[in-house]
Amino acid sequence: MKKIKTTLFILAIGMLGSCTKAIIDPDEETPDTNSDTVTYAKDVEQIMFNNCVTCHGGAAPSAGADLTNYANVKSYTQDGQLLQRINNEAAPMPPSGLMNSTNRQIIQSWADGGYKQ
């Protein structure tokens, strides 16, 4: 019985000694927004789905802006409408408030990188 207690004690000390306090650098959590690596399919499509297509999709998209596919999102981004609206604090898109800066930067990087599909 004493050997079991000793073994458990040693295991507990070893486990406690391996515990550390995690320090998470917020920059490490930011996705790679290098314009050479950002693509519509990998990065932008999900942002559109999560933030835009509820209103800007379906049979009658809000303001006639269908943001459900690559060609349309590219067109609205190239003419400046999309970038202007997602960065407009006075009249934000989505209407509930500006989407987070990481998502806005990904879309900007996608545009800067040539709208890779």
C-alpha atoms as a PDB file:
ATOM      1  CA  MET A   1       0.000   0.000   0.000  1.00  0.00           C
ATOM      2  CA  LYS A   2       2.875   2.336   0.806  1.00  0.00           C
ATOM      3  CA  LYS A   3       4.363   1.746  -2.674  1.00  0.00           C
ATOM      4  CA  ILE A   4       1.033   2.697  -4.289  1.00  0.00           C
ATOM      5  CA  LYS A   5       0.822   5.919  -2.275  1.00  0.00           C
ATOM      6  CA  THR A   6       4.421   6.770  -3.122  1.00  0.00           C
ATOM      7  CA  THR A   7       3.851   6.075  -6.807  1.00  0.00           C
ATOM      8  CA  LEU A   8       0.683   8.192  -6.843  1.00  0.00           C
ATOM      9  CA  PHE A   9       2.491  11.000  -5.029  1.00  0.00           C
ATOM     10  CA  ILE A  10       5.347  10.947  -7.563  1.00  0.00           C
ATOM     11  CA  LEU A  11       2.882  10.932 -10.473  1.00  0.00           C
ATOM     12  CA  ALA A  12       0.940  13.852  -8.979  1.00  0.00           C
ATOM     13  CA  ILE A  13       4.119  15.891  -8.478  1.00  0.00           C
ATOM     14  CA  GLY A  14       5.208  15.114 -12.039  1.00  0.00           C
ATOM     15  CA  MET A  15       1.846  16.189 -13.419  1.00  0.00           C
ATOM     16  CA  LEU A  16       1.792  19.417 -11.434  1.00  0.00           C
ATOM     17  CA  GLY A  17       5.324  20.213 -12.481  1.00  0.00           C
ATOM     18  CA  SER A  18       4.351  19.958 -16.136  1.00  0.00           C
ATOM     19  CA  CYS A  19       1.511  22.476 -15.809  1.00  0.00           C
ATOM     20  CA  THR A  20       2.235  25.905 -17.175  1.00  0.00           C
ATOM     21  CA  LYS A  21       0.246  29.030 -17.598  1.00  0.00           C
ATOM     22  CA  ALA A  22      -0.495  29.499 -21.297  1.00  0.00           C
ATOM     23  CA  ILE A  23       0.259  32.854 -22.788  1.00  0.00           C
ATOM     24  CA  ILE A  24      -1.572  33.398 -26.029  1.00  0.00           C
ATOM     25  CA  ASP A  25      -0.229  36.037 -28.317  1.00  0.00           C
ATOM     26  CA  PRO A  26      -3.216  37.582 -30.147  1.00  0.00           C
ATOM     27  CA  ASP A  27      -1.077  38.007 -33.263  1.00  0.00           C
ATOM     28  CA  GLU A  28      -0.584  34.242 -33.423  1.00  0.00           C
ATOM     29  CA  GLU A  29      -4.342  33.729 -33.719  1.00  0.00           C
ATOM     30  CA  THR A  30      -4.680  36.087 -36.668  1.00  0.00           C
ATOM     31  CA  PRO A  31      -5.041  34.162 -39.914  1.00  0.00           C
ATOM     32  CA  ASP A  32      -2.454  34.696 -42.609  1.00  0.00           C
ATOM     33  CA  THR A  33      -3.669  37.713 -44.558  1.00  0.00           C
ATOM     34  CA  ASN A  34      -0.775  37.719 -47.004  1.00  0.00           C
ATOM     35  CA  SER A  35      -2.469  38.624 -50.282  1.00  0.00           C
ATOM     36  CA  ASP A  36      -0.583  35.811 -52.050  1.00  0.00           C
ATOM     37  CA  THR A  37      -2.302  33.171 -49.944  1.00  0.00           C
ATOM     38  CA  VAL A  38      -5.834  34.533 -49.561  1.00  0.00           C
ATOM     39  CA  THR A  39      -8.366  32.933 -51.905  1.00  0.00           C
ATOM     40  CA  TYR A  40     -12.105  33.189 -52.300  1.00  0.00           C
ATOM     41  CA  ALA A  41     -12.730  29.486 -51.738  1.00  0.00           C
ATOM     42  CA  LYS A  42     -10.417  29.132 -48.738  1.00  0.00           C
ATOM     43  CA  ASP A  43     -10.999  32.442 -46.970  1.00  0.00           C
ATOM     44  CA  VAL A  44     -13.584  34.848 -48.365  1.00  0.00           C
ATOM     45  CA  GLU A  45     -16.490  32.530 -49.160  1.00  0.00           C
ATOM     46  CA  GLN A  46     -16.974  31.549 -45.510  1.00  0.00           C
ATOM     47  CA  ILE A  47     -16.884  35.197 -44.408  1.00  0.00           C
ATOM     48  CA  MET A  48     -19.599  36.007 -46.958  1.00  0.00           C
ATOM     49  CA  PHE A  49     -21.668  33.045 -45.810  1.00  0.00           C
ATOM     50  CA  ASN A  50     -21.347  33.963 -42.130  1.00  0.00           C
ATOM     51  CA  ASN A  51     -21.933  37.704 -42.492  1.00  0.00           C
ATOM     52  CA  CYS A  52     -23.682  38.573 -45.748  1.00  0.00           C
ATOM     53  CA  VAL A  53     -25.757  35.966 -47.549  1.00  0.00           C
ATOM     54  CA  THR A  54     -28.615  35.943 -45.067  1.00  0.00           C
ATOM     55  CA  CYS A  55     -29.680  39.250 -46.601  1.00  0.00           C
ATOM     56  CA  HIS A  56     -27.638  39.279 -49.813  1.00  0.00           C
ATOM     57  CA  GLY A  57     -28.665  35.902 -51.182  1.00  0.00           C
ATOM     58  CA  GLY A  58     -31.701  33.975 -52.285  1.00  0.00           C
ATOM     59  CA  ALA A  59     -34.354  34.941 -54.816  1.00  0.00           C
ATOM     60  CA  ALA A  60     -34.529  38.614 -53.795  1.00  0.00           C
ATOM     61  CA  PRO A  61     -31.197  39.726 -52.298  1.00  0.00           C
ATOM     62  CA  SER A  62     -31.210  42.968 -50.339  1.00  0.00           C
ATOM     63  CA  ALA A  63     -30.317  45.991 -52.501  1.00  0.00           C
ATOM     64  CA  GLY A  64     -30.074  43.601 -55.439  1.00  0.00           C
ATOM     65  CA  ALA A  65     -26.623  42.579 -54.219  1.00  0.00           C
ATOM     66  CA  ASP A  66     -26.243  38.804 -54.484  1.00  0.00           C
ATOM     67  CA  LEU A  67     -23.087  37.832 -52.574  1.00  0.00           C
ATOM     68  CA  THR A  68     -23.477  34.075 -52.896  1.00  0.00           C
ATOM     69  CA  ASN A  69     -20.797  33.374 -55.500  1.00  0.00           C
ATOM     70  CA  TYR A  70     -17.270  34.261 -56.527  1.00  0.00           C
ATOM     71  CA  ALA A  71     -18.155  36.331 -59.622  1.00  0.00           C
ATOM     72  CA  ASN A  72     -20.580  38.590 -57.768  1.00  0.00           C
ATOM     73  CA  VAL A  73     -18.380  39.090 -54.702  1.00  0.00           C
ATOM     74  CA  LYS A  74     -15.436  39.878 -56.970  1.00  0.00           C
ATOM     75  CA  SER A  75     -17.525  42.385 -58.955  1.00  0.00           C
ATOM     76  CA  TYR A  76     -18.818  44.186 -55.859  1.00  0.00           C
ATOM     77  CA  THR A  77     -15.312  44.263 -54.405  1.00  0.00           C
ATOM     78  CA  GLN A  78     -13.675  45.528 -57.603  1.00  0.00           C
ATOM     79  CA  ASP A  79     -16.097  48.426 -57.948  1.00  0.00           C
ATOM     80  CA  GLY A  80     -15.456  49.392 -54.322  1.00  0.00           C
ATOM     81  CA  GLN A  81     -18.964  48.835 -53.011  1.00  0.00           C
ATOM     82  CA  LEU A  82     -18.173  45.865 -50.795  1.00  0.00           C
ATOM     83  CA  LEU A  83     -15.021  47.273 -49.224  1.00  0.00           C
ATOM     84  CA  GLN A  84     -16.647  50.655 -48.665  1.00  0.00           C
ATOM     85  CA  ARG A  85     -19.673  49.136 -46.930  1.00  0.00           C
ATOM     86  CA  ILE A  86     -17.847  46.668 -44.708  1.00  0.00           C
ATOM     87  CA  ASN A  87     -15.602  49.498 -43.461  1.00  0.00           C
ATOM     88  CA  ASN A  88     -18.329  52.139 -43.035  1.00  0.00           C
ATOM     89  CA  GLU A  89     -18.850  52.740 -39.312  1.00  0.00           C
ATOM     90  CA  ALA A  90     -21.797  55.108 -39.932  1.00  0.00           C
ATOM     91  CA  ALA A  91     -23.726  52.580 -42.057  1.00  0.00           C
ATOM     92  CA  PRO A  92     -22.010  49.249 -41.401  1.00  0.00           C
ATOM     93  CA  MET A  93     -22.463  45.969 -43.173  1.00  0.00           C
ATOM     94  CA  PRO A  94     -23.655  43.828 -41.665  1.00  0.00           C
ATOM     95  CA  PRO A  95     -26.199  46.240 -40.166  1.00  0.00           C
ATOM     96  CA  SER A  96     -25.607  44.820 -36.673  1.00  0.00           C
ATOM     97  CA  GLY A  97     -22.135  46.403 -36.721  1.00  0.00           C
ATOM     98  CA  LEU A  98     -18.829  46.132 -38.501  1.00  0.00           C
ATOM     99  CA  MET A  99     -17.565  42.602 -38.892  1.00  0.00           C
ATOM    100  CA  ASN A 100     -14.317  41.991 -37.060  1.00  0.00           C
ATOM    101  CA  SER A 101     -11.169  43.585 -38.382  1.00  0.00           C
ATOM    102  CA  THR A 102      -9.569  40.234 -39.221  1.00  0.00           C
ATOM    103  CA  ASN A 103     -12.369  39.381 -41.652  1.00  0.00           C
ATOM    104  CA  ARG A 104     -12.245  42.837 -43.190  1.00  0.00           C
ATOM    105  CA  GLN A 105      -8.469  42.529 -43.605  1.00  0.00           C
ATOM    106  CA  ILE A 106      -8.842  39.118 -45.253  1.00  0.00           C
ATOM    107  CA  ILE A 107     -11.231  40.602 -47.828  1.00  0.00           C
ATOM    108  CA  GLN A 108      -8.865  43.524 -48.411  1.00  0.00           C
ATOM    109  CA  SER A 109      -5.916  41.146 -48.815  1.00  0.00           C
ATOM    110  CA  TRP A 110      -7.940  39.064 -51.261  1.00  0.00           C
ATOM    111  CA  ALA A 111      -8.587  42.181 -53.336  1.00  0.00           C
ATOM    112  CA  ASP A 112      -4.960  43.313 -53.087  1.00  0.00           C
ATOM    113  CA  GLY A 113      -3.841  39.851 -54.197  1.00  0.00           C
ATOM    114  CA  GLY A 114      -5.853  39.870 -57.391  1.00  0.00           C
ATOM    115  CA  TYR A 115      -9.108  38.167 -56.350  1.00  0.00           C
ATOM    116  CA  LYS A 116      -7.772  34.616 -56.423  1.00  0.00           C
ATOM    117  CA  GLN A 117     -10.516  32.063 -56.684  1.00  0.00           C
END
